[in-house]
N, C-alpha and C. Protein backbone atom coordinates (compact mmCIF):
# COMPACT_ATOMS: atom_id res chain seq x y z
N MET A 1 27.01 -28.42 18.06
CA MET A 1 26.71 -29.02 19.33
C MET A 1 26.32 -27.90 20.31
N THR A 2 25.19 -28.07 20.97
CA THR A 2 24.73 -27.10 21.95
C THR A 2 25.35 -27.40 23.30
N THR A 3 25.95 -26.36 23.87
CA THR A 3 26.58 -26.54 25.18
C THR A 3 25.62 -26.10 26.28
N GLN A 4 25.97 -26.41 27.49
CA GLN A 4 25.17 -25.98 28.63
C GLN A 4 25.06 -24.46 28.67
N PHE A 5 26.17 -23.79 28.36
CA PHE A 5 26.18 -22.32 28.32
C PHE A 5 25.19 -21.80 27.28
N ASP A 6 25.17 -22.41 26.09
CA ASP A 6 24.24 -22.00 25.04
C ASP A 6 22.79 -22.14 25.50
N ARG A 7 22.49 -23.23 26.19
CA ARG A 7 21.13 -23.44 26.68
C ARG A 7 20.75 -22.40 27.73
N ILE A 8 21.69 -22.02 28.57
CA ILE A 8 21.42 -20.99 29.58
C ILE A 8 21.17 -19.65 28.91
N VAL A 9 22.02 -19.28 27.96
CA VAL A 9 21.85 -18.01 27.25
C VAL A 9 20.51 -17.99 26.53
N THR A 10 20.15 -19.06 25.86
CA THR A 10 18.87 -19.14 25.15
C THR A 10 17.70 -18.98 26.12
N ALA A 11 17.79 -19.63 27.28
CA ALA A 11 16.72 -19.53 28.28
C ALA A 11 16.60 -18.11 28.82
N VAL A 12 17.71 -17.45 29.05
CA VAL A 12 17.69 -16.07 29.56
C VAL A 12 17.08 -15.14 28.53
N LEU A 13 17.49 -15.27 27.27
CA LEU A 13 16.94 -14.42 26.21
C LEU A 13 15.44 -14.63 26.07
N ARG A 14 14.99 -15.86 26.12
CA ARG A 14 13.56 -16.16 26.02
C ARG A 14 12.81 -15.53 27.20
N ALA A 15 13.37 -15.63 28.40
CA ALA A 15 12.72 -15.06 29.58
C ALA A 15 12.61 -13.54 29.49
N VAL A 16 13.65 -12.89 29.01
CA VAL A 16 13.63 -11.42 28.88
C VAL A 16 12.60 -11.01 27.84
N ARG A 17 12.56 -11.70 26.70
CA ARG A 17 11.61 -11.35 25.63
C ARG A 17 10.17 -11.49 26.09
N THR A 18 9.87 -12.49 26.88
CA THR A 18 8.49 -12.74 27.29
C THR A 18 8.11 -12.05 28.59
N SER A 19 9.05 -11.43 29.27
CA SER A 19 8.78 -10.83 30.58
C SER A 19 8.01 -9.52 30.49
N GLY A 20 8.10 -8.83 29.35
CA GLY A 20 7.48 -7.53 29.23
C GLY A 20 8.33 -6.41 29.81
N LEU A 21 9.52 -6.73 30.29
CA LEU A 21 10.38 -5.71 30.87
C LEU A 21 11.00 -4.80 29.82
N LEU A 22 11.23 -5.34 28.65
CA LEU A 22 11.75 -4.52 27.57
C LEU A 22 10.59 -4.01 26.74
N GLU A 23 10.59 -2.74 26.45
CA GLU A 23 9.50 -2.14 25.70
C GLU A 23 9.90 -2.04 24.23
N ALA A 24 9.00 -2.38 23.38
CA ALA A 24 9.26 -2.28 21.95
C ALA A 24 9.40 -0.81 21.55
N ASN A 25 10.12 -0.56 20.49
CA ASN A 25 10.33 0.82 20.03
C ASN A 25 9.15 1.36 19.24
N THR A 26 8.38 0.49 18.61
CA THR A 26 7.23 0.91 17.82
C THR A 26 6.00 0.16 18.29
N LEU A 27 4.95 0.89 18.64
CA LEU A 27 3.75 0.29 19.21
C LEU A 27 2.50 0.79 18.50
N SER A 28 1.47 0.00 18.55
CA SER A 28 0.15 0.40 18.11
C SER A 28 -0.62 0.83 19.36
N ALA A 29 -1.34 1.93 19.28
CA ALA A 29 -2.07 2.45 20.44
C ALA A 29 -3.34 3.14 19.95
N VAL A 30 -4.15 3.61 20.89
CA VAL A 30 -5.40 4.30 20.56
C VAL A 30 -5.37 5.69 21.19
N VAL A 31 -5.75 6.70 20.41
CA VAL A 31 -5.79 8.08 20.91
C VAL A 31 -6.90 8.18 21.96
N SER A 32 -6.55 8.65 23.15
CA SER A 32 -7.54 8.82 24.21
C SER A 32 -7.85 10.29 24.48
N VAL A 33 -6.90 11.18 24.19
CA VAL A 33 -7.10 12.62 24.38
C VAL A 33 -6.33 13.36 23.29
N VAL A 34 -6.96 14.37 22.70
CA VAL A 34 -6.28 15.27 21.78
C VAL A 34 -6.02 16.55 22.57
N ASN A 35 -4.77 16.86 22.81
CA ASN A 35 -4.40 18.02 23.61
C ASN A 35 -4.27 19.27 22.74
N SER A 36 -4.50 20.43 23.34
CA SER A 36 -4.46 21.70 22.60
C SER A 36 -3.04 22.12 22.21
N ASP A 37 -2.03 21.47 22.75
CA ASP A 37 -0.65 21.85 22.45
C ASP A 37 -0.05 21.05 21.28
N GLY A 38 -0.90 20.31 20.54
CA GLY A 38 -0.42 19.56 19.39
C GLY A 38 0.01 18.14 19.71
N THR A 39 -0.18 17.72 20.94
CA THR A 39 0.15 16.35 21.33
C THR A 39 -1.12 15.54 21.52
N VAL A 40 -0.95 14.23 21.64
CA VAL A 40 -2.06 13.35 21.95
C VAL A 40 -1.66 12.45 23.11
N ASP A 41 -2.65 12.05 23.90
CA ASP A 41 -2.45 11.00 24.89
C ASP A 41 -2.96 9.73 24.23
N VAL A 42 -2.20 8.65 24.36
CA VAL A 42 -2.62 7.38 23.77
C VAL A 42 -2.59 6.29 24.83
N THR A 43 -3.39 5.27 24.62
CA THR A 43 -3.43 4.14 25.55
C THR A 43 -3.14 2.85 24.79
N ARG A 44 -2.56 1.93 25.54
CA ARG A 44 -2.24 0.61 25.02
C ARG A 44 -2.19 -0.35 26.20
N ASN A 45 -3.05 -1.35 26.18
CA ASN A 45 -3.04 -2.38 27.23
C ASN A 45 -3.00 -1.80 28.64
N ASP A 46 -3.91 -0.94 28.98
CA ASP A 46 -3.99 -0.33 30.31
C ASP A 46 -2.84 0.62 30.63
N SER A 47 -1.98 0.93 29.68
CA SER A 47 -0.91 1.90 29.89
C SER A 47 -1.24 3.15 29.10
N THR A 48 -0.98 4.31 29.70
CA THR A 48 -1.20 5.58 29.03
C THR A 48 0.14 6.23 28.71
N TYR A 49 0.24 6.76 27.51
CA TYR A 49 1.42 7.50 27.07
C TYR A 49 0.97 8.94 26.88
N PRO A 50 1.25 9.82 27.86
CA PRO A 50 0.75 11.19 27.79
C PRO A 50 1.62 12.09 26.91
N ARG A 51 0.96 13.07 26.32
CA ARG A 51 1.63 14.13 25.56
C ARG A 51 2.62 13.61 24.53
N VAL A 52 2.15 12.69 23.70
CA VAL A 52 2.97 12.16 22.61
C VAL A 52 2.94 13.17 21.47
N ARG A 53 4.12 13.59 21.05
CA ARG A 53 4.20 14.58 19.96
C ARG A 53 3.75 13.96 18.65
N ARG A 54 3.15 14.77 17.77
CA ARG A 54 2.67 14.30 16.47
C ARG A 54 3.58 14.80 15.36
N LEU A 55 3.73 13.98 14.32
CA LEU A 55 4.39 14.46 13.11
C LEU A 55 3.44 15.39 12.38
N SER A 56 3.97 16.31 11.59
CA SER A 56 3.14 17.31 10.92
C SER A 56 2.12 16.69 9.97
N GLY A 57 2.40 15.53 9.42
CA GLY A 57 1.47 14.89 8.51
C GLY A 57 0.23 14.34 9.18
N TYR A 58 0.29 14.17 10.49
CA TYR A 58 -0.87 13.68 11.25
C TYR A 58 -1.60 14.90 11.80
N SER A 59 -2.35 15.55 10.90
CA SER A 59 -2.91 16.87 11.23
C SER A 59 -4.31 16.85 11.82
N SER A 60 -5.01 15.74 11.74
CA SER A 60 -6.39 15.70 12.23
C SER A 60 -6.62 14.52 13.17
N PRO A 61 -5.96 14.53 14.33
CA PRO A 61 -6.16 13.42 15.25
C PRO A 61 -7.55 13.46 15.88
N SER A 62 -8.08 12.30 16.21
CA SER A 62 -9.34 12.26 16.94
C SER A 62 -9.33 11.07 17.89
N VAL A 63 -10.08 11.22 18.97
CA VAL A 63 -10.17 10.18 19.99
C VAL A 63 -10.71 8.91 19.34
N GLY A 64 -10.08 7.80 19.67
CA GLY A 64 -10.50 6.51 19.16
C GLY A 64 -9.70 6.02 17.96
N GLN A 65 -8.91 6.91 17.35
CA GLN A 65 -8.10 6.48 16.21
C GLN A 65 -6.98 5.55 16.67
N ARG A 66 -6.73 4.50 15.89
CA ARG A 66 -5.60 3.61 16.15
C ARG A 66 -4.39 4.21 15.45
N VAL A 67 -3.30 4.39 16.21
CA VAL A 67 -2.11 5.07 15.71
C VAL A 67 -0.87 4.23 15.96
N ILE A 68 0.20 4.63 15.32
CA ILE A 68 1.52 4.06 15.54
C ILE A 68 2.35 5.09 16.31
N ILE A 69 2.96 4.66 17.42
CA ILE A 69 3.88 5.54 18.14
C ILE A 69 5.26 4.89 18.14
N GLN A 70 6.27 5.73 18.14
CA GLN A 70 7.64 5.24 18.12
C GLN A 70 8.45 5.95 19.19
N LYS A 71 9.26 5.16 19.90
CA LYS A 71 10.12 5.72 20.93
C LYS A 71 11.38 6.27 20.29
N THR A 72 11.72 7.52 20.63
CA THR A 72 12.93 8.15 20.14
C THR A 72 13.76 8.60 21.33
N SER A 73 14.92 9.12 21.08
CA SER A 73 15.76 9.60 22.18
C SER A 73 15.12 10.79 22.89
N ALA A 74 14.17 11.46 22.24
CA ALA A 74 13.49 12.61 22.84
C ALA A 74 12.11 12.25 23.39
N GLY A 75 11.76 10.97 23.39
CA GLY A 75 10.45 10.54 23.89
C GLY A 75 9.63 9.91 22.79
N TRP A 76 8.35 9.71 23.06
CA TRP A 76 7.45 9.06 22.11
C TRP A 76 6.95 10.05 21.07
N VAL A 77 6.82 9.58 19.82
CA VAL A 77 6.31 10.37 18.70
C VAL A 77 5.21 9.58 18.02
N CYS A 78 4.11 10.24 17.70
CA CYS A 78 3.01 9.61 16.97
C CYS A 78 3.26 9.77 15.48
N LEU A 79 3.41 8.66 14.78
CA LEU A 79 3.70 8.69 13.36
C LEU A 79 2.44 8.93 12.52
N GLY A 80 1.28 8.57 13.05
CA GLY A 80 0.05 8.79 12.32
C GLY A 80 -0.95 7.69 12.60
N ALA A 81 -2.13 7.83 11.98
CA ALA A 81 -3.22 6.90 12.20
C ALA A 81 -3.26 5.86 11.10
N TYR A 82 -3.78 4.68 11.46
CA TYR A 82 -4.06 3.65 10.45
C TYR A 82 -5.21 4.13 9.58
N LEU A 83 -5.16 3.83 8.31
CA LEU A 83 -6.29 4.10 7.41
C LEU A 83 -7.25 2.92 7.51
N THR A 84 -8.51 3.19 7.78
CA THR A 84 -9.50 2.12 7.88
C THR A 84 -10.66 2.45 6.97
N SER A 85 -11.39 1.42 6.58
CA SER A 85 -12.53 1.65 5.69
C SER A 85 -13.80 1.81 6.49
């Protein structure tokens, strides 16, 4: 049986999920700048993530590549680019 409290909690959770206030930990983005210090700037939906550190396996970044970034306790890290044909 669903109580009034359960309906309120469900409504609050739905509102928070759809509000955009919480940021996902793993995002798809596009490289906009390759920096000389080994980082990349990436963009996603009009938001820019500057100086995202790269993993060593992502050795040849280029502007326009679609990448995966992940939020860590030390900031955003670029995991690498999608392989496309």
